[in-house]
């Protein structure tokens, strides 16, 4: 078994046991800014699975996203209470929201991928791997060429979690409405 399997196993065990070290990390992350650049990934094995390489032009950012349903303000104008509708589930995953926020903060970078690192009662924390689209070491790497060519990957739902909330990871019967998008599939099939 290689070392990354041990790292993954350790990370899973720490999370399932809610170790004291993990609790301290999360408490520190809660006090930081919502989008914070980090020197190296928390879970190196998972980051490398998703395409991270320890080289110039590859950036890792930790993003804090508020958990729960979207809250709308209380309505003051007249209507039936049943039509007030204050709590709605997001259509996007919180991971996709985290990717978009990281892309908005680091405007010269493109989102490669992201992964979950922890949560508490109020927030979920994700680490997003970004690529500097103009850095020579990234432009010279053939494995990153296709990613850097796509502009606005996170906001267009082209990352792994973006494809998931668009319904493009499913195959087979009943998924024809999802392609090329849900909106165009509905207009074509109605």
C-alpha atoms as a PDB file:
ATOM      1  CA  UNK A   1       0.000   0.000   0.000  1.00  0.00           C
ATOM      2  CA  UNK A   2       1.417   3.383  -0.946  1.00  0.00           C
ATOM      3  CA  UNK A   3       1.690   6.308   1.453  1.00  0.00           C
ATOM      4  CA  UNK A   4      -1.348   8.172   0.051  1.00  0.00           C
ATOM      5  CA  UNK A   5      -3.662   5.335   1.083  1.00  0.00           C
ATOM      6  CA  UNK A   6      -2.358   5.669   4.634  1.00  0.00           C
ATOM      7  CA  UNK A   7      -2.866   9.445   4.507  1.00  0.00           C
ATOM      8  CA  UNK A   8      -6.442   8.999   3.262  1.00  0.00           C
ATOM      9  CA  UNK A   9      -7.171   6.407   5.946  1.00  0.00           C
ATOM     10  CA  UNK A  10      -5.753   8.686   8.663  1.00  0.00           C
ATOM     11  CA  UNK A  11      -7.812  11.636   7.436  1.00  0.00           C
ATOM     12  CA  UNK A  12     -11.014   9.523   7.418  1.00  0.00           C
ATOM     13  CA  UNK A  13     -10.299   8.147  10.907  1.00  0.00           C
ATOM     14  CA  UNK A  14      -9.633  11.631  12.293  1.00  0.00           C
ATOM     15  CA  UNK A  15     -12.903  12.860  10.872  1.00  0.00           C
ATOM     16  CA  UNK A  16     -14.994   9.888  12.035  1.00  0.00           C
ATOM     17  CA  UNK A  17     -13.525  10.052  15.560  1.00  0.00           C
ATOM     18  CA  UNK A  18     -13.802  13.872  15.655  1.00  0.00           C
ATOM     19  CA  UNK A  19     -10.229  14.100  16.925  1.00  0.00           C
ATOM     20  CA  UNK A  20      -9.099  17.005  19.063  1.00  0.00           C
ATOM     21  CA  UNK A  21      -6.650  18.112  16.367  1.00  0.00           C
ATOM     22  CA  UNK A  22      -9.424  18.367  13.754  1.00  0.00           C
ATOM     23  CA  UNK A  23     -11.609  20.368  16.163  1.00  0.00           C
ATOM     24  CA  UNK A  24      -8.742  22.813  16.710  1.00  0.00           C
ATOM     25  CA  UNK A  25      -8.214  23.152  12.954  1.00  0.00           C
ATOM     26  CA  UNK A  26     -11.899  23.898  12.361  1.00  0.00           C
ATOM     27  CA  UNK A  27     -11.994  26.433  15.205  1.00  0.00           C
ATOM     28  CA  UNK A  28      -9.001  28.224  13.664  1.00  0.00           C
ATOM     29  CA  UNK A  29     -10.518  28.120  10.155  1.00  0.00           C
ATOM     30  CA  UNK A  30     -13.731  29.663  11.484  1.00  0.00           C
ATOM     31  CA  UNK A  31     -11.795  32.759  12.597  1.00  0.00           C
ATOM     32  CA  UNK A  32     -10.087  33.179   9.204  1.00  0.00           C
ATOM     33  CA  UNK A  33     -11.437  34.979   6.147  1.00  0.00           C
ATOM     34  CA  UNK A  34     -14.119  33.175   4.083  1.00  0.00           C
ATOM     35  CA  UNK A  35     -11.632  32.552   1.247  1.00  0.00           C
ATOM     36  CA  UNK A  36      -8.075  32.001   2.432  1.00  0.00           C
ATOM     37  CA  UNK A  37      -5.038  30.907   0.432  1.00  0.00           C
ATOM     38  CA  UNK A  38      -3.164  28.028   2.093  1.00  0.00           C
ATOM     39  CA  UNK A  39       0.470  27.025   1.632  1.00  0.00           C
ATOM     40  CA  UNK A  40      -0.238  23.329   1.112  1.00  0.00           C
ATOM     41  CA  UNK A  41      -3.349  21.110   1.031  1.00  0.00           C
ATOM     42  CA  UNK A  42      -4.753  19.711   4.259  1.00  0.00           C
ATOM     43  CA  UNK A  43      -5.423  16.333   2.629  1.00  0.00           C
ATOM     44  CA  UNK A  44      -2.498  15.892   0.219  1.00  0.00           C
ATOM     45  CA  UNK A  45      -3.656  12.494  -1.017  1.00  0.00           C
ATOM     46  CA  UNK A  46      -7.098  13.763  -2.050  1.00  0.00           C
ATOM     47  CA  UNK A  47      -5.631  16.901  -3.631  1.00  0.00           C
ATOM     48  CA  UNK A  48      -3.240  14.814  -5.755  1.00  0.00           C
ATOM     49  CA  UNK A  49      -6.095  12.531  -6.832  1.00  0.00           C
ATOM     50  CA  UNK A  50      -7.834  15.636  -8.169  1.00  0.00           C
ATOM     51  CA  UNK A  51      -4.806  16.931 -10.091  1.00  0.00           C
ATOM     52  CA  UNK A  52      -2.802  18.977  -7.577  1.00  0.00           C
ATOM     53  CA  UNK A  53       0.943  19.203  -8.169  1.00  0.00           C
ATOM     54  CA  UNK A  54       3.394  20.978  -5.853  1.00  0.00           C
ATOM     55  CA  UNK A  55       4.652  23.458  -8.441  1.00  0.00           C
ATOM     56  CA  UNK A  56       4.493  27.152  -9.144  1.00  0.00           C
ATOM     57  CA  UNK A  57       1.207  28.364 -10.576  1.00  0.00           C
ATOM     58  CA  UNK A  58      -0.895  25.815  -8.644  1.00  0.00           C
ATOM     59  CA  UNK A  59      -2.789  27.478  -5.780  1.00  0.00           C
ATOM     60  CA  UNK A  60      -4.880  25.963  -2.968  1.00  0.00           C
ATOM     61  CA  UNK A  61      -7.567  28.019  -1.217  1.00  0.00           C
ATOM     62  CA  UNK A  62      -9.726  27.063   1.751  1.00  0.00           C
ATOM     63  CA  UNK A  63     -13.304  28.319   1.438  1.00  0.00           C
ATOM     64  CA  UNK A  64     -15.918  28.608   4.175  1.00  0.00           C
ATOM     65  CA  UNK A  65     -19.571  28.252   3.114  1.00  0.00           C
ATOM     66  CA  UNK A  66     -22.581  28.655   5.384  1.00  0.00           C
ATOM     67  CA  UNK A  67     -24.562  25.433   5.795  1.00  0.00           C
ATOM     68  CA  UNK A  68     -28.311  24.996   5.514  1.00  0.00           C
ATOM     69  CA  UNK A  69     -31.114  26.170   3.273  1.00  0.00           C
ATOM     70  CA  UNK A  70     -31.199  29.586   1.665  1.00  0.00           C
ATOM     71  CA  UNK A  71     -32.990  32.013   3.985  1.00  0.00           C
ATOM     72  CA  UNK A  72     -35.192  34.709   2.521  1.00  0.00           C
ATOM     73  CA  UNK A  73     -36.293  37.713   4.545  1.00  0.00           C
ATOM     74  CA  UNK A  74     -39.678  37.940   6.195  1.00  0.00           C
ATOM     75  CA  UNK A  75     -42.367  39.263   3.861  1.00  0.00           C
ATOM     76  CA  UNK A  76     -44.138  42.397   5.091  1.00  0.00           C
ATOM     77  CA  UNK A  77     -46.620  42.858   2.231  1.00  0.00           C
ATOM     78  CA  UNK A  78     -49.967  41.030   2.357  1.00  0.00           C
ATOM     79  CA  UNK A  79     -50.290  37.419   1.250  1.00  0.00           C
ATOM     80  CA  UNK A  80     -51.321  34.028   2.580  1.00  0.00           C
ATOM     81  CA  UNK A  81     -48.836  32.716   5.136  1.00  0.00           C
ATOM     82  CA  UNK A  82     -48.562  29.440   3.199  1.00  0.00           C
ATOM     83  CA  UNK A  83     -47.227  31.346   0.167  1.00  0.00           C
ATOM     84  CA  UNK A  84     -44.513  33.164   2.112  1.00  0.00           C
ATOM     85  CA  UNK A  85     -41.795  30.602   1.296  1.00  0.00           C
ATOM     86  CA  UNK A  86     -38.716  31.504   3.327  1.00  0.00           C
ATOM     87  CA  UNK A  87     -36.525  28.402   3.169  1.00  0.00           C
ATOM     88  CA  UNK A  88     -35.471  26.892  -0.143  1.00  0.00           C
ATOM     89  CA  UNK A  89     -32.915  24.226  -0.957  1.00  0.00           C
ATOM     90  CA  UNK A  90     -30.055  25.313  -3.214  1.00  0.00           C
ATOM     91  CA  UNK A  91     -30.030  23.838  -6.696  1.00  0.00           C
ATOM     92  CA  UNK A  92     -26.252  23.935  -6.521  1.00  0.00           C
ATOM     93  CA  UNK A  93     -24.171  22.048  -3.996  1.00  0.00           C
ATOM     94  CA  UNK A  94     -22.267  24.010  -1.372  1.00  0.00           C
ATOM     95  CA  UNK A  95     -19.075  22.683  -2.973  1.00  0.00           C
ATOM     96  CA  UNK A  96     -19.979  24.431  -6.255  1.00  0.00           C
ATOM     97  CA  UNK A  97     -20.690  27.631  -4.336  1.00  0.00           C
ATOM     98  CA  UNK A  98     -17.247  27.343  -2.716  1.00  0.00           C
ATOM     99  CA  UNK A  99     -15.590  26.915  -6.125  1.00  0.00           C
ATOM    100  CA  UNK A 100     -17.335  30.010  -7.466  1.00  0.00           C
ATOM    101  CA  UNK A 101     -16.247  32.101  -4.474  1.00  0.00           C
ATOM    102  CA  UNK A 102     -12.645  30.991  -4.859  1.00  0.00           C
ATOM    103  CA  UNK A 103     -12.750  31.830  -8.581  1.00  0.00           C
ATOM    104  CA  UNK A 104     -14.154  35.283  -7.765  1.00  0.00           C
ATOM    105  CA  UNK A 105     -11.356  35.967  -5.276  1.00  0.00           C
ATOM    106  CA  UNK A 106      -8.507  34.677  -7.481  1.00  0.00           C
ATOM    107  CA  UNK A 107      -9.509  36.245 -10.791  1.00  0.00           C
ATOM    108  CA  UNK A 108      -6.345  35.237 -12.663  1.00  0.00           C
ATOM    109  CA  UNK A 109      -6.880  31.537 -11.821  1.00  0.00           C
ATOM    110  CA  UNK A 110      -9.124  28.761 -13.109  1.00  0.00           C
ATOM    111  CA  UNK A 111     -10.675  26.180 -10.789  1.00  0.00           C
ATOM    112  CA  UNK A 112      -9.267  22.702 -11.327  1.00  0.00           C
ATOM    113  CA  UNK A 113     -11.238  20.839  -8.660  1.00  0.00           C
ATOM    114  CA  UNK A 114     -12.183  20.891  -4.975  1.00  0.00           C
ATOM    115  CA  UNK A 115     -12.710  18.596  -2.010  1.00  0.00           C
ATOM    116  CA  UNK A 116     -14.316  18.605   1.427  1.00  0.00           C
ATOM    117  CA  UNK A 117     -12.116  19.125   4.505  1.00  0.00           C
ATOM    118  CA  UNK A 118     -14.524  19.553   7.428  1.00  0.00           C
ATOM    119  CA  UNK A 119     -17.604  21.160   8.923  1.00  0.00           C
ATOM    120  CA  UNK A 120     -19.033  22.502  12.149  1.00  0.00           C
ATOM    121  CA  UNK A 121     -22.537  23.562  13.151  1.00  0.00           C
ATOM    122  CA  UNK A 122     -22.567  26.665  10.958  1.00  0.00           C
ATOM    123  CA  UNK A 123     -20.091  26.148   8.116  1.00  0.00           C
ATOM    124  CA  UNK A 124     -18.677  23.631   5.679  1.00  0.00           C
ATOM    125  CA  UNK A 125     -15.051  23.947   4.604  1.00  0.00           C
ATOM    126  CA  UNK A 126     -13.721  23.029   1.174  1.00  0.00           C
ATOM    127  CA  UNK A 127     -10.263  23.305  -0.345  1.00  0.00           C
ATOM    128  CA  UNK A 128     -10.225  24.442  -3.976  1.00  0.00           C
ATOM    129  CA  UNK A 129      -7.295  23.735  -6.291  1.00  0.00           C
ATOM    130  CA  UNK A 130      -6.747  26.596  -8.750  1.00  0.00           C
ATOM    131  CA  UNK A 131      -4.387  27.065 -11.692  1.00  0.00           C
ATOM    132  CA  UNK A 132      -2.760  30.375 -12.604  1.00  0.00           C
ATOM    133  CA  UNK A 133      -3.798  30.669 -16.256  1.00  0.00           C
ATOM    134  CA  UNK A 134      -0.777  32.787 -17.217  1.00  0.00           C
ATOM    135  CA  UNK A 135       2.042  31.041 -15.355  1.00  0.00           C
ATOM    136  CA  UNK A 136       4.667  29.429 -17.640  1.00  0.00           C
ATOM    137  CA  UNK A 137       4.931  26.223 -15.580  1.00  0.00           C
ATOM    138  CA  UNK A 138       1.155  25.694 -15.831  1.00  0.00           C
ATOM    139  CA  UNK A 139       1.039  26.573 -19.542  1.00  0.00           C
ATOM    140  CA  UNK A 140       3.897  24.137 -20.210  1.00  0.00           C
ATOM    141  CA  UNK A 141       2.165  21.247 -18.408  1.00  0.00           C
ATOM    142  CA  UNK A 142       0.187  19.181 -20.907  1.00  0.00           C
ATOM    143  CA  UNK A 143      -2.146  17.781 -18.228  1.00  0.00           C
ATOM    144  CA  UNK A 144      -3.364  21.320 -17.406  1.00  0.00           C
ATOM    145  CA  UNK A 145      -3.661  22.582 -20.999  1.00  0.00           C
ATOM    146  CA  UNK A 146      -7.362  21.750 -21.429  1.00  0.00           C
ATOM    147  CA  UNK A 147      -8.317  23.209 -18.043  1.00  0.00           C
ATOM    148  CA  UNK A 148      -6.546  26.530 -18.572  1.00  0.00           C
ATOM    149  CA  UNK A 149      -8.164  26.901 -22.011  1.00  0.00           C
ATOM    150  CA  UNK A 150     -11.654  26.910 -20.431  1.00  0.00           C
ATOM    151  CA  UNK A 151     -12.450  30.335 -19.032  1.00  0.00           C
ATOM    152  CA  UNK A 152     -14.926  30.628 -16.135  1.00  0.00           C
ATOM    153  CA  UNK A 153     -15.081  26.898 -15.388  1.00  0.00           C
ATOM    154  CA  UNK A 154     -16.649  27.218 -11.938  1.00  0.00           C
ATOM    155  CA  UNK A 155     -19.364  29.683 -12.918  1.00  0.00           C
ATOM    156  CA  UNK A 156     -20.317  27.648 -16.010  1.00  0.00           C
ATOM    157  CA  UNK A 157     -20.540  24.362 -14.099  1.00  0.00           C
ATOM    158  CA  UNK A 158     -17.641  22.642 -15.889  1.00  0.00           C
ATOM    159  CA  UNK A 159     -15.878  21.349 -12.763  1.00  0.00           C
ATOM    160  CA  UNK A 160     -16.631  17.936 -11.278  1.00  0.00           C
ATOM    161  CA  UNK A 161     -19.156  19.221  -8.726  1.00  0.00           C
ATOM    162  CA  UNK A 162     -20.645  21.561 -11.351  1.00  0.00           C
ATOM    163  CA  UNK A 163     -21.268  18.663 -13.725  1.00  0.00           C
ATOM    164  CA  UNK A 164     -22.856  16.797 -10.840  1.00  0.00           C
ATOM    165  CA  UNK A 165     -25.448  19.470  -9.997  1.00  0.00           C
ATOM    166  CA  UNK A 166     -26.194  19.845 -13.712  1.00  0.00           C
ATOM    167  CA  UNK A 167     -27.075  16.131 -13.814  1.00  0.00           C
ATOM    168  CA  UNK A 168     -24.325  15.182 -16.275  1.00  0.00           C
ATOM    169  CA  UNK A 169     -22.699  12.422 -14.209  1.00  0.00           C
ATOM    170  CA  UNK A 170     -25.763  10.185 -14.604  1.00  0.00           C
ATOM    171  CA  UNK A 171     -26.167   7.979 -17.658  1.00  0.00           C
ATOM    172  CA  UNK A 172     -28.908   5.824 -19.110  1.00  0.00           C
ATOM    173  CA  UNK A 173     -32.692   5.914 -19.078  1.00  0.00           C
ATOM    174  CA  UNK A 174     -34.312   9.174 -18.003  1.00  0.00           C
ATOM    175  CA  UNK A 175     -31.239  11.360 -18.385  1.00  0.00           C
ATOM    176  CA  UNK A 176     -31.857  12.618 -21.932  1.00  0.00           C
ATOM    177  CA  UNK A 177     -33.501  15.729 -20.460  1.00  0.00           C
ATOM    178  CA  UNK A 178     -30.222  16.695 -18.809  1.00  0.00           C
ATOM    179  CA  UNK A 179     -28.307  17.036 -22.072  1.00  0.00           C
ATOM    180  CA  UNK A 180     -27.105  19.463 -23.273  1.00  0.00           C
ATOM    181  CA  UNK A 181     -28.776  21.188 -20.308  1.00  0.00           C
ATOM    182  CA  UNK A 182     -31.941  20.753 -18.243  1.00  0.00           C
ATOM    183  CA  UNK A 183     -33.483  23.933 -19.670  1.00  0.00           C
ATOM    184  CA  UNK A 184     -32.969  23.007 -23.321  1.00  0.00           C
ATOM    185  CA  UNK A 185     -33.973  19.384 -22.616  1.00  0.00           C
ATOM    186  CA  UNK A 186     -37.309  20.513 -21.171  1.00  0.00           C
ATOM    187  CA  UNK A 187     -38.075  22.778 -24.119  1.00  0.00           C
ATOM    188  CA  UNK A 188     -37.122  20.009 -26.569  1.00  0.00           C
ATOM    189  CA  UNK A 189     -39.185  17.282 -24.862  1.00  0.00           C
ATOM    190  CA  UNK A 190     -42.306  19.266 -23.951  1.00  0.00           C
END
